[in-house]
Amino acid sequence: MSKHDQPSASTSAAPVPDAARPALQRQYDANFRVTPDYRASLPDVQNAEVADIQGAHIPIIQVGVSGFRLPLHYLTADCKQVSLETTVTGTVSLPAEQKGINMSRIMRGFYEFKDRVFTPDLLEEVLLRYKQELGSTRARLRLAFNYPLLRPSLRSGLSGYQYYQVAYEGTLCDLNWFRKFIHFDFVYSSACPCSAELTEHAREARATYGIPHSQRSKARLSIEVQPGASVTIEDLHAHCLAALQTETQVFVRREDEQAFAELNGAFQKFVEDAARLLYERLNGDARIRDFQIACAHLESLHSHDAVAVVCKGLPNGFDASFADFASLVC
């Protein structure tokens, strides 16, 4: 039974004598129509009296809906629209003296924007609507989607779509200070410098053939965009590619596989190197106010992964408390 169906002592009508009750029917009436009077008679538990609140009498920082999906429109860097399946999380704050929120308003309010083209800036308008309609002081919204970019092969001239896990996030505080964030996952290959040197040593010292180890790796960038500035998904991809070079490939022929081996040889990196290279790129972009970088190299040598986290270090900004390294499994 959902909370919308539960009876409330403070809102229910007086009990009806058993003799006056109509016989219950175990059937669904597809022809039943809700009138305004009938709707007004329905119990409204989330707006119950303070005395009906269960548990501690405290405010709730975030309450809302997570995981509802719909196709939304996004704008590419070259001003084209693309429609992508999106998973939405919308939450608001709840004061201590209020029992609950009207959950359906989170979704209904969002659906009013479903035909708009979404950018991080549009989230402010949605959040203002949430605060107004739900009477909250704070609101948060997150849109998660997979973003396609057509990527060329290294030497064969083929092209294929690479998909990137992206999330737009926006928050609105008590003073209506809007903050906008972008989260971006980049998958790359990491060739171990230590393994490469040891392999070369075996070749030179003992004429023994060996293969250095490398592995699929992932970096997650979380950035806060400066007020009034714009950072595209393509911009973040360009930062990752310039810093790390060894993005995994879509189409691979023999000449591409050879090129990828050469690329990994030219850009060997420990997980510490990857984090520092990305830091250098993001820190040099004036449009990015703050950032956190989390990297995971899914080791082919070890039965565990190598991980690293860095952040810009602004007061009240991102910190290095990232702990969900399992989410970086490619």
C-alpha atoms as a PDB file:
ATOM      1  CA  MET A   1       0.000   0.000   0.000  1.00  0.00           C
ATOM      2  CA  SER A   2       1.432   3.389  -0.952  1.00  0.00           C
ATOM      3  CA  LYS A   3       1.343   6.381   1.341  1.00  0.00           C
ATOM      4  CA  HIS A   4      -1.360   7.866  -0.900  1.00  0.00           C
ATOM      5  CA  ASP A   5      -3.640   4.924  -0.041  1.00  0.00           C
ATOM      6  CA  GLN A   6      -3.094   4.849   3.716  1.00  0.00           C
ATOM      7  CA  PRO A   7      -5.901   6.114   5.987  1.00  0.00           C
ATOM      8  CA  SER A   8      -5.217   9.070   8.260  1.00  0.00           C
ATOM      9  CA  ALA A   9      -6.845   9.626  11.637  1.00  0.00           C
ATOM     10  CA  SER A  10      -6.774  13.393  11.175  1.00  0.00           C
ATOM     11  CA  THR A  11      -8.208  13.491   7.649  1.00  0.00           C
ATOM     12  CA  SER A  12     -10.607  10.531   7.436  1.00  0.00           C
ATOM     13  CA  ALA A  13     -14.368  11.014   7.604  1.00  0.00           C
ATOM     14  CA  ALA A  14     -16.394   9.700  10.572  1.00  0.00           C
ATOM     15  CA  PRO A  15     -16.799   5.892  10.558  1.00  0.00           C
ATOM     16  CA  VAL A  16     -19.762   4.581   8.601  1.00  0.00           C
ATOM     17  CA  PRO A  17     -21.919   1.976  10.400  1.00  0.00           C
ATOM     18  CA  ASP A  18     -21.466  -1.506   8.973  1.00  0.00           C
ATOM     19  CA  ALA A  19     -25.148  -1.724   8.096  1.00  0.00           C
ATOM     20  CA  ALA A  20     -24.907   1.388   5.912  1.00  0.00           C
ATOM     21  CA  ARG A  21     -21.824   0.252   4.008  1.00  0.00           C
ATOM     22  CA  PRO A  22     -22.325  -0.955   0.433  1.00  0.00           C
ATOM     23  CA  ALA A  23     -21.147  -4.473  -0.288  1.00  0.00           C
ATOM     24  CA  LEU A  24     -17.496  -4.513  -1.399  1.00  0.00           C
ATOM     25  CA  GLN A  25     -16.950  -5.424  -5.030  1.00  0.00           C
ATOM     26  CA  ARG A  26     -13.805  -7.244  -6.103  1.00  0.00           C
ATOM     27  CA  GLN A  27     -13.703  -5.777  -9.571  1.00  0.00           C
ATOM     28  CA  TYR A  28     -12.207  -2.801 -11.369  1.00  0.00           C
ATOM     29  CA  ASP A  29     -14.695  -0.260 -12.735  1.00  0.00           C
ATOM     30  CA  ALA A  30     -13.123   1.085 -15.922  1.00  0.00           C
ATOM     31  CA  ASN A  31     -16.053   3.466 -16.367  1.00  0.00           C
ATOM     32  CA  PHE A  32     -15.701   5.211 -12.999  1.00  0.00           C
ATOM     33  CA  ARG A  33     -14.934   8.921 -13.385  1.00  0.00           C
ATOM     34  CA  VAL A  34     -13.500  11.133 -10.673  1.00  0.00           C
ATOM     35  CA  THR A  35     -15.538  14.260  -9.975  1.00  0.00           C
ATOM     36  CA  PRO A  36     -14.162  17.375  -8.248  1.00  0.00           C
ATOM     37  CA  ASP A  37     -16.169  16.534  -5.139  1.00  0.00           C
ATOM     38  CA  TYR A  38     -14.843  12.972  -5.077  1.00  0.00           C
ATOM     39  CA  ARG A  39     -11.257  14.174  -5.478  1.00  0.00           C
ATOM     40  CA  ALA A  40     -11.769  16.651  -2.635  1.00  0.00           C
ATOM     41  CA  SER A  41     -12.933  13.807  -0.402  1.00  0.00           C
ATOM     42  CA  LEU A  42      -9.748  11.776  -0.862  1.00  0.00           C
ATOM     43  CA  PRO A  43      -7.485  11.650   2.234  1.00  0.00           C
ATOM     44  CA  ASP A  44      -4.316  13.761   1.996  1.00  0.00           C
ATOM     45  CA  VAL A  45      -1.900  12.072   4.384  1.00  0.00           C
ATOM     46  CA  GLN A  46       1.249  13.986   3.453  1.00  0.00           C
ATOM     47  CA  ASN A  47      -0.447  17.189   4.632  1.00  0.00           C
ATOM     48  CA  ALA A  48      -1.444  15.705   7.962  1.00  0.00           C
ATOM     49  CA  GLU A  49      -1.108  17.471  11.297  1.00  0.00           C
ATOM     50  CA  VAL A  50       2.251  17.787  13.055  1.00  0.00           C
ATOM     51  CA  ALA A  51       1.017  15.304  15.661  1.00  0.00           C
ATOM     52  CA  ASP A  52       0.863  12.620  12.949  1.00  0.00           C
ATOM     53  CA  ILE A  53       4.586  12.844  12.145  1.00  0.00           C
ATOM     54  CA  GLN A  54       6.364   9.633  13.073  1.00  0.00           C
ATOM     55  CA  GLY A  55       9.887   9.463  14.435  1.00  0.00           C
ATOM     56  CA  ALA A  56      12.192  12.366  15.246  1.00  0.00           C
ATOM     57  CA  HIS A  57      10.824  15.878  14.746  1.00  0.00           C
ATOM     58  CA  ILE A  58      13.586  16.991  12.355  1.00  0.00           C
ATOM     59  CA  PRO A  59      13.855  18.563   8.901  1.00  0.00           C
ATOM     60  CA  ILE A  60      14.806  16.316   5.973  1.00  0.00           C
ATOM     61  CA  ILE A  61      17.608  17.591   3.756  1.00  0.00           C
ATOM     62  CA  GLN A  62      16.568  15.718   0.601  1.00  0.00           C
ATOM     63  CA  VAL A  63      13.326  13.924  -0.195  1.00  0.00           C
ATOM     64  CA  GLY A  64      11.865  13.251  -3.604  1.00  0.00           C
ATOM     65  CA  VAL A  65      11.909  10.867  -6.554  1.00  0.00           C
ATOM     66  CA  SER A  66      14.831   8.989  -8.088  1.00  0.00           C
ATOM     67  CA  GLY A  67      15.102   6.940 -11.244  1.00  0.00           C
ATOM     68  CA  PHE A  68      12.191   8.093 -13.407  1.00  0.00           C
ATOM     69  CA  ARG A  69      13.091   7.961 -17.095  1.00  0.00           C
ATOM     70  CA  LEU A  70      12.074   9.816 -20.217  1.00  0.00           C
ATOM     71  CA  PRO A  71      13.660  10.987 -23.483  1.00  0.00           C
ATOM     72  CA  LEU A  72      15.022  14.527 -23.313  1.00  0.00           C
ATOM     73  CA  HIS A  73      16.571  16.877 -25.848  1.00  0.00           C
ATOM     74  CA  TYR A  74      20.171  18.039 -25.506  1.00  0.00           C
ATOM     75  CA  LEU A  75      22.282  20.487 -27.454  1.00  0.00           C
ATOM     76  CA  THR A  76      25.586  19.421 -28.981  1.00  0.00           C
ATOM     77  CA  ALA A  77      28.610  21.692 -29.286  1.00  0.00           C
ATOM     78  CA  ASP A  78      27.696  22.416 -32.929  1.00  0.00           C
ATOM     79  CA  CYS A  79      24.144  23.440 -31.916  1.00  0.00           C
ATOM     80  CA  LYS A  80      22.368  20.283 -33.054  1.00  0.00           C
ATOM     81  CA  GLN A  81      19.672  18.599 -30.999  1.00  0.00           C
ATOM     82  CA  VAL A  82      19.919  14.992 -29.878  1.00  0.00           C
ATOM     83  CA  SER A  83      17.220  13.054 -28.000  1.00  0.00           C
ATOM     84  CA  LEU A  84      18.527  10.727 -25.282  1.00  0.00           C
ATOM     85  CA  GLU A  85      16.958   8.465 -22.671  1.00  0.00           C
ATOM     86  CA  THR A  86      17.526  10.180 -19.328  1.00  0.00           C
ATOM     87  CA  THR A  87      17.274   9.033 -15.728  1.00  0.00           C
ATOM     88  CA  VAL A  88      16.090  11.835 -13.454  1.00  0.00           C
ATOM     89  CA  THR A  89      16.445  12.391  -9.732  1.00  0.00           C
ATOM     90  CA  GLY A  90      14.595  15.336  -8.204  1.00  0.00           C
ATOM     91  CA  THR A  91      14.584  16.196  -4.500  1.00  0.00           C
ATOM     92  CA  VAL A  92      13.622  19.079  -2.223  1.00  0.00           C
ATOM     93  CA  SER A  93      14.040  19.901   1.457  1.00  0.00           C
ATOM     94  CA  LEU A  94      11.269  19.247   3.979  1.00  0.00           C
ATOM     95  CA  PRO A  95      10.751  21.287   7.185  1.00  0.00           C
ATOM     96  CA  ALA A  96      10.401  19.518  10.528  1.00  0.00           C
ATOM     97  CA  GLU A  97       6.744  20.530  10.946  1.00  0.00           C
ATOM     98  CA  GLN A  98       5.630  19.035   7.600  1.00  0.00           C
ATOM     99  CA  LYS A  99       4.871  15.307   7.384  1.00  0.00           C
ATOM    100  CA  GLY A 100       5.627  14.762   3.702  1.00  0.00           C
ATOM    101  CA  ILE A 101       5.744  16.169   0.189  1.00  0.00           C
ATOM    102  CA  ASN A 102       3.528  15.486  -2.791  1.00  0.00           C
ATOM    103  CA  MET A 103       5.883  13.160  -4.677  1.00  0.00           C
ATOM    104  CA  SER A 104       3.897  13.318  -7.895  1.00  0.00           C
ATOM    105  CA  ARG A 105       4.542  17.052  -8.163  1.00  0.00           C
ATOM    106  CA  ILE A 106       8.256  16.318  -8.642  1.00  0.00           C
ATOM    107  CA  MET A 107       7.490  14.331 -11.774  1.00  0.00           C
ATOM    108  CA  ARG A 108       4.573  16.458 -12.974  1.00  0.00           C
ATOM    109  CA  GLY A 109       6.624  19.610 -12.609  1.00  0.00           C
ATOM    110  CA  PHE A 110       9.511  18.088 -14.533  1.00  0.00           C
ATOM    111  CA  TYR A 111       7.267  16.873 -17.357  1.00  0.00           C
ATOM    112  CA  GLU A 112       6.294  20.479 -18.036  1.00  0.00           C
ATOM    113  CA  PHE A 113       9.858  20.917 -19.348  1.00  0.00           C
ATOM    114  CA  LYS A 114      10.116  17.662 -21.303  1.00  0.00           C
ATOM    115  CA  ASP A 115      10.020  19.356 -24.725  1.00  0.00           C
ATOM    116  CA  ARG A 116      12.695  21.922 -23.864  1.00  0.00           C
ATOM    117  CA  VAL A 117      16.343  21.591 -24.875  1.00  0.00           C
ATOM    118  CA  PHE A 118      18.283  20.780 -21.709  1.00  0.00           C
ATOM    119  CA  THR A 119      21.481  22.500 -20.712  1.00  0.00           C
ATOM    120  CA  PRO A 120      22.888  22.820 -17.187  1.00  0.00           C
ATOM    121  CA  ASP A 121      21.448  26.354 -17.062  1.00  0.00           C
ATOM    122  CA  LEU A 122      17.880  25.141 -17.660  1.00  0.00           C
ATOM    123  CA  LEU A 123      18.031  23.215 -14.388  1.00  0.00           C
ATOM    124  CA  GLU A 124      17.731  26.505 -12.491  1.00  0.00           C
ATOM    125  CA  GLU A 125      14.288  27.128 -13.962  1.00  0.00           C
ATOM    126  CA  VAL A 126      13.125  23.634 -13.023  1.00  0.00           C
ATOM    127  CA  LEU A 127      14.473  23.989  -9.487  1.00  0.00           C
ATOM    128  CA  LEU A 128      12.755  27.333  -8.976  1.00  0.00           C
ATOM    129  CA  ARG A 129       9.486  25.667 -10.007  1.00  0.00           C
ATOM    130  CA  TYR A 130      10.093  22.880  -7.481  1.00  0.00           C
ATOM    131  CA  LYS A 131      10.686  25.321  -4.637  1.00  0.00           C
ATOM    132  CA  GLN A 132       7.593  27.326  -5.539  1.00  0.00           C
ATOM    133  CA  GLU A 133       5.191  24.405  -5.951  1.00  0.00           C
ATOM    134  CA  LEU A 134       6.436  22.318  -3.014  1.00  0.00           C
ATOM    135  CA  GLY A 135       7.126  25.176  -0.609  1.00  0.00           C
ATOM    136  CA  SER A 136      10.709  24.044  -0.016  1.00  0.00           C
ATOM    137  CA  THR A 137      13.799  26.077   0.764  1.00  0.00           C
ATOM    138  CA  ARG A 138      16.268  23.922  -1.183  1.00  0.00           C
ATOM    139  CA  ALA A 139      16.082  21.742  -4.291  1.00  0.00           C
ATOM    140  CA  ARG A 140      18.355  19.443  -6.252  1.00  0.00           C
ATOM    141  CA  LEU A 141      18.087  17.876  -9.721  1.00  0.00           C
ATOM    142  CA  ARG A 142      20.247  15.339 -11.557  1.00  0.00           C
ATOM    143  CA  LEU A 143      19.899  14.131 -15.164  1.00  0.00           C
ATOM    144  CA  ALA A 144      21.947  11.058 -16.140  1.00  0.00           C
ATOM    145  CA  PHE A 145      22.318   9.923 -19.755  1.00  0.00           C
ATOM    146  CA  ASN A 146      24.684   8.301 -22.260  1.00  0.00           C
ATOM    147  CA  TYR A 147      26.018  10.811 -24.783  1.00  0.00           C
ATOM    148  CA  PRO A 148      27.219   9.628 -28.227  1.00  0.00           C
ATOM    149  CA  LEU A 149      30.223  11.082 -30.045  1.00  0.00           C
ATOM    150  CA  LEU A 150      31.380   9.861 -33.462  1.00  0.00           C
ATOM    151  CA  ARG A 151      35.034   8.923 -33.038  1.00  0.00           C
ATOM    152  CA  PRO A 152      37.511   8.162 -35.868  1.00  0.00           C
ATOM    153  CA  SER A 153      39.803   5.149 -35.897  1.00  0.00           C
ATOM    154  CA  LEU A 154      43.519   5.798 -35.613  1.00  0.00           C
ATOM    155  CA  ARG A 155      44.632   4.846 -39.146  1.00  0.00           C
ATOM    156  CA  SER A 156      41.981   2.934 -41.113  1.00  0.00           C
ATOM    157  CA  GLY A 157      39.627   5.863 -41.730  1.00  0.00           C
ATOM    158  CA  LEU A 158      36.621   4.179 -40.096  1.00  0.00           C
ATOM    159  CA  SER A 159      34.372   5.926 -37.561  1.00  0.00           C
ATOM    160  CA  GLY A 160      32.053   4.674 -34.853  1.00  0.00           C
ATOM    161  CA  TYR A 161      29.989   5.988 -31.959  1.00  0.00           C
ATOM    162  CA  GLN A 162      31.530   6.067 -28.516  1.00  0.00           C
ATOM    163  CA  TYR A 163      29.070   6.532 -25.631  1.00  0.00           C
ATOM    164  CA  TYR A 164      29.968   8.562 -22.548  1.00  0.00           C
ATOM    165  CA  GLN A 165      28.200   8.449 -19.182  1.00  0.00           C
ATOM    166  CA  VAL A 166      27.203  12.023 -18.357  1.00  0.00           C
ATOM    167  CA  ALA A 167      25.133  13.718 -15.683  1.00  0.00           C
ATOM    168  CA  TYR A 168      23.929  17.304 -15.395  1.00  0.00           C
ATOM    169  CA  GLU A 169      23.300  18.358 -11.816  1.00  0.00           C
ATOM    170  CA  GLY A 170      21.890  21.544 -10.331  1.00  0.00           C
ATOM    171  CA  THR A 171      21.254  22.762  -6.792  1.00  0.00           C
ATOM    172  CA  LEU A 172      19.334  25.733  -5.409  1.00  0.00           C
ATOM    173  CA  CYS A 173      19.893  26.831  -1.810  1.00  0.00           C
ATOM    174  CA  ASP A 174      17.792  28.870   0.628  1.00  0.00           C
ATOM    175  CA  LEU A 175      18.987  32.120  -0.975  1.00  0.00           C
ATOM    176  CA  ASN A 176      18.324  30.816  -4.511  1.00  0.00           C
ATOM    177  CA  TRP A 177      22.045  30.588  -5.256  1.00  0.00           C
ATOM    178  CA  PHE A 178      22.168  28.245  -8.253  1.00  0.00           C
ATOM    179  CA  ARG A 179      25.124  25.922  -8.740  1.00  0.00           C
ATOM    180  CA  LYS A 180      25.555  23.765 -11.860  1.00  0.00           C
ATOM    181  CA  PHE A 181      27.689  20.644 -12.209  1.00  0.00           C
ATOM    182  CA  ILE A 182      28.654  18.205 -14.955  1.00  0.00           C
ATOM    183  CA  HIS A 183      29.871  14.651 -14.345  1.00  0.00           C
ATOM    184  CA  PHE A 184      31.710  12.944 -17.227  1.00  0.00           C
ATOM    185  CA  ASP A 185      33.218   9.432 -17.536  1.00  0.00           C
ATOM    186  CA  PHE A 186      36.139   8.807 -19.895  1.00  0.00           C
ATOM    187  CA  VAL A 187      37.442   5.295 -20.660  1.00  0.00           C
ATOM    188  CA  TYR A 188      41.073   4.911 -21.682  1.00  0.00           C
ATOM    189  CA  SER A 189      43.950   2.449 -21.785  1.00  0.00           C
ATOM    190  CA  SER A 190      46.778   2.687 -19.251  1.00  0.00           C
ATOM    191  CA  ALA A 191      50.091   1.018 -20.095  1.00  0.00           C
ATOM    192  CA  CYS A 192      52.223   0.488 -16.986  1.00  0.00           C
ATOM    193  CA  PRO A 193      55.607   2.307 -17.187  1.00  0.00           C
ATOM    194  CA  CYS A 194      57.177  -0.133 -14.730  1.00  0.00           C
ATOM    195  CA  SER A 195      56.088  -3.157 -16.756  1.00  0.00           C
ATOM    196  CA  ALA A 196      57.350  -1.529 -19.962  1.00  0.00           C
ATOM    197  CA  GLU A 197      60.815  -0.891 -18.498  1.00  0.00           C
ATOM    198  CA  LEU A 198      61.094  -4.395 -17.051  1.00  0.00           C
ATOM    199  CA  THR A 199      60.069  -5.925 -20.373  1.00  0.00           C
ATOM    200  CA  GLU A 200      62.736  -3.933 -22.179  1.00  0.00           C
ATOM    201  CA  HIS A 201      65.301  -4.993 -19.571  1.00  0.00           C
ATOM    202  CA  ALA A 202      64.496  -8.673 -20.194  1.00  0.00           C
ATOM    203  CA  ARG A 203      64.864  -8.120 -23.938  1.00  0.00           C
ATOM    204  CA  GLU A 204      68.220  -6.346 -23.637  1.00  0.00           C
ATOM    205  CA  ALA A 205      69.757  -8.326 -20.777  1.00  0.00           C
ATOM    206  CA  ARG A 206      68.544 -11.842 -21.582  1.00  0.00           C
ATOM    207  CA  ALA A 207      67.095 -11.641 -25.132  1.00  0.00           C
ATOM    208  CA  THR A 208      63.763 -12.663 -23.632  1.00  0.00           C
ATOM    209  CA  TYR A 209      60.469 -11.645 -25.224  1.00  0.00           C
ATOM    210  CA  GLY A 210      57.821 -10.157 -22.954  1.00  0.00           C
ATOM    211  CA  ILE A 211      54.632  -8.086 -23.185  1.00  0.00           C
ATOM    212  CA  PRO A 212      54.099  -5.071 -20.867  1.00  0.00           C
ATOM    213  CA  HIS A 213      50.726  -5.046 -19.168  1.00  0.00           C
ATOM    214  CA  SER A 214      48.045  -2.453 -19.793  1.00  0.00           C
ATOM    215  CA  GLN A 215      44.400  -2.263 -18.834  1.00  0.00           C
ATOM    216  CA  ARG A 216      41.120  -0.551 -19.494  1.00  0.00           C
ATOM    217  CA  SER A 217      40.803   2.428 -17.159  1.00  0.00           C
ATOM    218  CA  LYS A 218      38.255   5.079 -16.316  1.00  0.00           C
ATOM    219  CA  ALA A 219      38.369   8.685 -15.178  1.00  0.00           C
ATOM    220  CA  ARG A 220      35.345  10.469 -13.732  1.00  0.00           C
ATOM    221  CA  LEU A 221      35.396  14.247 -13.914  1.00  0.00           C
ATOM    222  CA  SER A 222      32.996  16.167 -11.692  1.00  0.00           C
ATOM    223  CA  ILE A 223      33.103  19.883 -12.360  1.00  0.00           C
ATOM    224  CA  GLU A 224      31.274  22.967 -11.153  1.00  0.00           C
ATOM    225  CA  VAL A 225      30.789  25.481 -13.954  1.00  0.00           C
ATOM    226  CA  GLN A 226      31.397  29.162 -13.248  1.00  0.00           C
ATOM    227  CA  PRO A 227      28.191  31.266 -13.073  1.00  0.00           C
ATOM    228  CA  GLY A 228      27.460  32.658 -16.526  1.00  0.00           C
ATOM    229  CA  ALA A 229      29.909  30.271 -18.227  1.00  0.00           C
ATOM    230  CA  SER A 230      29.260  27.255 -20.423  1.00  0.00           C
ATOM    231  CA  VAL A 231      31.217  23.999 -20.664  1.00  0.00           C
ATOM    232  CA  THR A 232      30.086  21.402 -23.196  1.00  0.00           C
ATOM    233  CA  ILE A 233      30.418  17.642 -23.050  1.00  0.00           C
ATOM    234  CA  GLU A 234      32.695  17.939 -26.063  1.00  0.00           C
ATOM    235  CA  ASP A 235      34.915  20.318 -24.071  1.00  0.00           C
ATOM    236  CA  LEU A 236      35.330  17.746 -21.295  1.00  0.00           C
ATOM    237  CA  HIS A 237      36.049  15.015 -23.823  1.00  0.00           C
ATOM    238  CA  ALA A 238      38.724  17.214 -25.411  1.00  0.00           C
ATOM    239  CA  HIS A 239      40.331  17.816 -22.009  1.00  0.00           C
ATOM    240  CA  CYS A 240      40.464  14.068 -21.328  1.00  0.00           C
ATOM    241  CA  LEU A 241      41.827  13.229 -24.766  1.00  0.00           C
ATOM    242  CA  ALA A 242      44.532  15.904 -24.601  1.00  0.00           C
ATOM    243  CA  ALA A 243      45.578  14.815 -21.111  1.00  0.00           C
ATOM    244  CA  LEU A 244      45.477  11.022 -21.488  1.00  0.00           C
ATOM    245  CA  GLN A 245      45.684  10.398 -25.283  1.00  0.00           C
ATOM    246  CA  THR A 246      44.887   6.659 -25.118  1.00  0.00           C
ATOM    247  CA  GLU A 247      41.101   6.559 -25.410  1.00  0.00           C
ATOM    248  CA  THR A 248      39.672   3.118 -26.137  1.00  0.00           C
ATOM    249  CA  GLN A 249      38.660   2.547 -29.752  1.00  0.00           C
ATOM    250  CA  VAL A 250      35.408   1.724 -31.552  1.00  0.00           C
ATOM    251  CA  PHE A 251      36.529   0.368 -34.961  1.00  0.00           C
ATOM    252  CA  VAL A 252      39.856  -1.462 -35.067  1.00  0.00           C
ATOM    253  CA  ARG A 253      41.582  -2.982 -38.103  1.00  0.00           C
ATOM    254  CA  ARG A 254      45.133  -4.326 -38.029  1.00  0.00           C
ATOM    255  CA  GLU A 255      46.668  -0.939 -38.738  1.00  0.00           C
ATOM    256  CA  ASP A 256      44.568   0.572 -35.922  1.00  0.00           C
ATOM    257  CA  GLU A 257      45.648  -2.102 -33.446  1.00  0.00           C
ATOM    258  CA  GLN A 258      49.274  -1.478 -34.303  1.00  0.00           C
ATOM    259  CA  ALA A 259      48.734   2.271 -33.913  1.00  0.00           C
ATOM    260  CA  PHE A 260      47.081   1.737 -30.519  1.00  0.00           C
ATOM    261  CA  ALA A 261      50.068  -0.281 -29.298  1.00  0.00           C
ATOM    262  CA  GLU A 262      52.356   2.554 -30.413  1.00  0.00           C
ATOM    263  CA  LEU A 263      50.094   5.119 -28.744  1.00  0.00           C
ATOM    264  CA  ASN A 264      50.208   3.243 -25.451  1.00  0.00           C
ATOM    265  CA  GLY A 265      53.973   3.024 -25.728  1.00  0.00           C
ATOM    266  CA  ALA A 266      54.236   6.765 -26.245  1.00  0.00           C
ATOM    267  CA  PHE A 267      51.843   7.654 -23.396  1.00  0.00           C
ATOM    268  CA  GLN A 268      52.502   5.197 -20.573  1.00  0.00           C
ATOM    269  CA  LYS A 269      50.934   6.230 -17.269  1.00  0.00           C
ATOM    270  CA  PHE A 270      50.428   5.211 -13.672  1.00  0.00           C
ATOM    271  CA  VAL A 271      47.085   6.110 -12.085  1.00  0.00           C
ATOM    272  CA  GLU A 272      48.912   8.958 -10.309  1.00  0.00           C
ATOM    273  CA  ASP A 273      50.038  10.312 -13.685  1.00  0.00           C
ATOM    274  CA  ALA A 274      46.502  10.189 -15.064  1.00  0.00           C
ATOM    275  CA  ALA A 275      45.097  12.152 -12.129  1.00  0.00           C
ATOM    276  CA  ARG A 276      47.800  14.822 -12.364  1.00  0.00           C
ATOM    277  CA  LEU A 277      47.491  15.188 -16.126  1.00  0.00           C
ATOM    278  CA  LEU A 278      43.734  15.721 -15.848  1.00  0.00           C
ATOM    279  CA  TYR A 279      44.210  18.170 -12.968  1.00  0.00           C
ATOM    280  CA  GLU A 280      46.523  20.244 -15.156  1.00  0.00           C
ATOM    281  CA  ARG A 281      43.929  20.443 -17.926  1.00  0.00           C
ATOM    282  CA  LEU A 282      40.930  21.304 -15.744  1.00  0.00           C
ATOM    283  CA  ASN A 283      42.835  23.758 -13.587  1.00  0.00           C
ATOM    284  CA  GLY A 284      43.777  25.682 -16.727  1.00  0.00           C
ATOM    285  CA  ASP A 285      40.155  26.185 -17.838  1.00  0.00           C
ATOM    286  CA  ALA A 286      38.822  29.461 -16.379  1.00  0.00           C
ATOM    287  CA  ARG A 287      35.211  28.359 -17.015  1.00  0.00           C
ATOM    288  CA  ILE A 288      35.561  25.557 -14.456  1.00  0.00           C
ATOM    289  CA  ARG A 289      35.145  26.887 -10.920  1.00  0.00           C
ATOM    290  CA  ASP A 290      35.854  23.647  -9.054  1.00  0.00           C
ATOM    291  CA  PHE A 291      36.457  19.989  -9.827  1.00  0.00           C
ATOM    292  CA  GLN A 292      37.097  16.484  -8.558  1.00  0.00           C
ATOM    293  CA  ILE A 293      38.899  13.778 -10.554  1.00  0.00           C
ATOM    294  CA  ALA A 294      38.654  10.076  -9.722  1.00  0.00           C
ATOM    295  CA  CYS A 295      40.641   7.504 -11.719  1.00  0.00           C
ATOM    296  CA  ALA A 296      40.666   3.713 -11.620  1.00  0.00           C
ATOM    297  CA  HIS A 297      43.078   1.433 -13.485  1.00  0.00           C
ATOM    298  CA  LEU A 298      41.487  -2.021 -13.612  1.00  0.00           C
ATOM    299  CA  GLU A 299      44.734  -3.934 -13.258  1.00  0.00           C
ATOM    300  CA  SER A 300      45.558  -6.877 -15.513  1.00  0.00           C
ATOM    301  CA  LEU A 301      48.588  -7.718 -13.315  1.00  0.00           C
ATOM    302  CA  HIS A 302      46.884  -7.560  -9.911  1.00  0.00           C
ATOM    303  CA  SER A 303      43.578  -8.922  -8.679  1.00  0.00           C
ATOM    304  CA  HIS A 304      42.754  -5.445  -7.360  1.00  0.00           C
ATOM    305  CA  ASP A 305      42.523  -2.001  -8.951  1.00  0.00           C
ATOM    306  CA  ALA A 306      44.747   1.066  -8.687  1.00  0.00           C
ATOM    307  CA  VAL A 307      42.828   4.241  -7.824  1.00  0.00           C
ATOM    308  CA  ALA A 308      43.515   7.943  -7.303  1.00  0.00           C
ATOM    309  CA  VAL A 309      41.463  11.036  -6.426  1.00  0.00           C
ATOM    310  CA  VAL A 310      42.409  14.711  -6.657  1.00  0.00           C
ATOM    311  CA  CYS A 311      40.383  17.909  -6.311  1.00  0.00           C
ATOM    312  CA  LYS A 312      40.978  21.617  -6.719  1.00  0.00           C
ATOM    313  CA  GLY A 313      40.656  22.228  -2.997  1.00  0.00           C
ATOM    314  CA  LEU A 314      38.264  25.177  -2.776  1.00  0.00           C
ATOM    315  CA  PRO A 315      36.596  25.888   0.598  1.00  0.00           C
ATOM    316  CA  ASN A 316      33.140  24.257   0.710  1.00  0.00           C
ATOM    317  CA  GLY A 317      33.845  22.708  -2.676  1.00  0.00           C
ATOM    318  CA  PHE A 318      34.698  19.222  -3.903  1.00  0.00           C
ATOM    319  CA  ASP A 319      36.918  17.171  -1.638  1.00  0.00           C
ATOM    320  CA  ALA A 320      38.751  13.880  -2.065  1.00  0.00           C
ATOM    321  CA  SER A 321      36.165  11.770  -0.236  1.00  0.00           C
ATOM    322  CA  PHE A 322      35.219   9.808  -3.391  1.00  0.00           C
ATOM    323  CA  ALA A 323      34.752   6.194  -2.288  1.00  0.00           C
ATOM    324  CA  ASP A 324      32.517   4.545  -4.902  1.00  0.00           C
ATOM    325  CA  PHE A 325      35.364   3.104  -6.983  1.00  0.00           C
ATOM    326  CA  ALA A 326      33.196   0.122  -7.921  1.00  0.00           C
ATOM    327  CA  SER A 327      31.175   2.510 -10.117  1.00  0.00           C
ATOM    328  CA  LEU A 328      34.310   3.094 -12.211  1.00  0.00           C
ATOM    329  CA  VAL A 329      34.377  -0.503 -13.446  1.00  0.00           C
ATOM    330  CA  CYS A 330      34.233  -0.233 -17.224  1.00  0.00           C
END
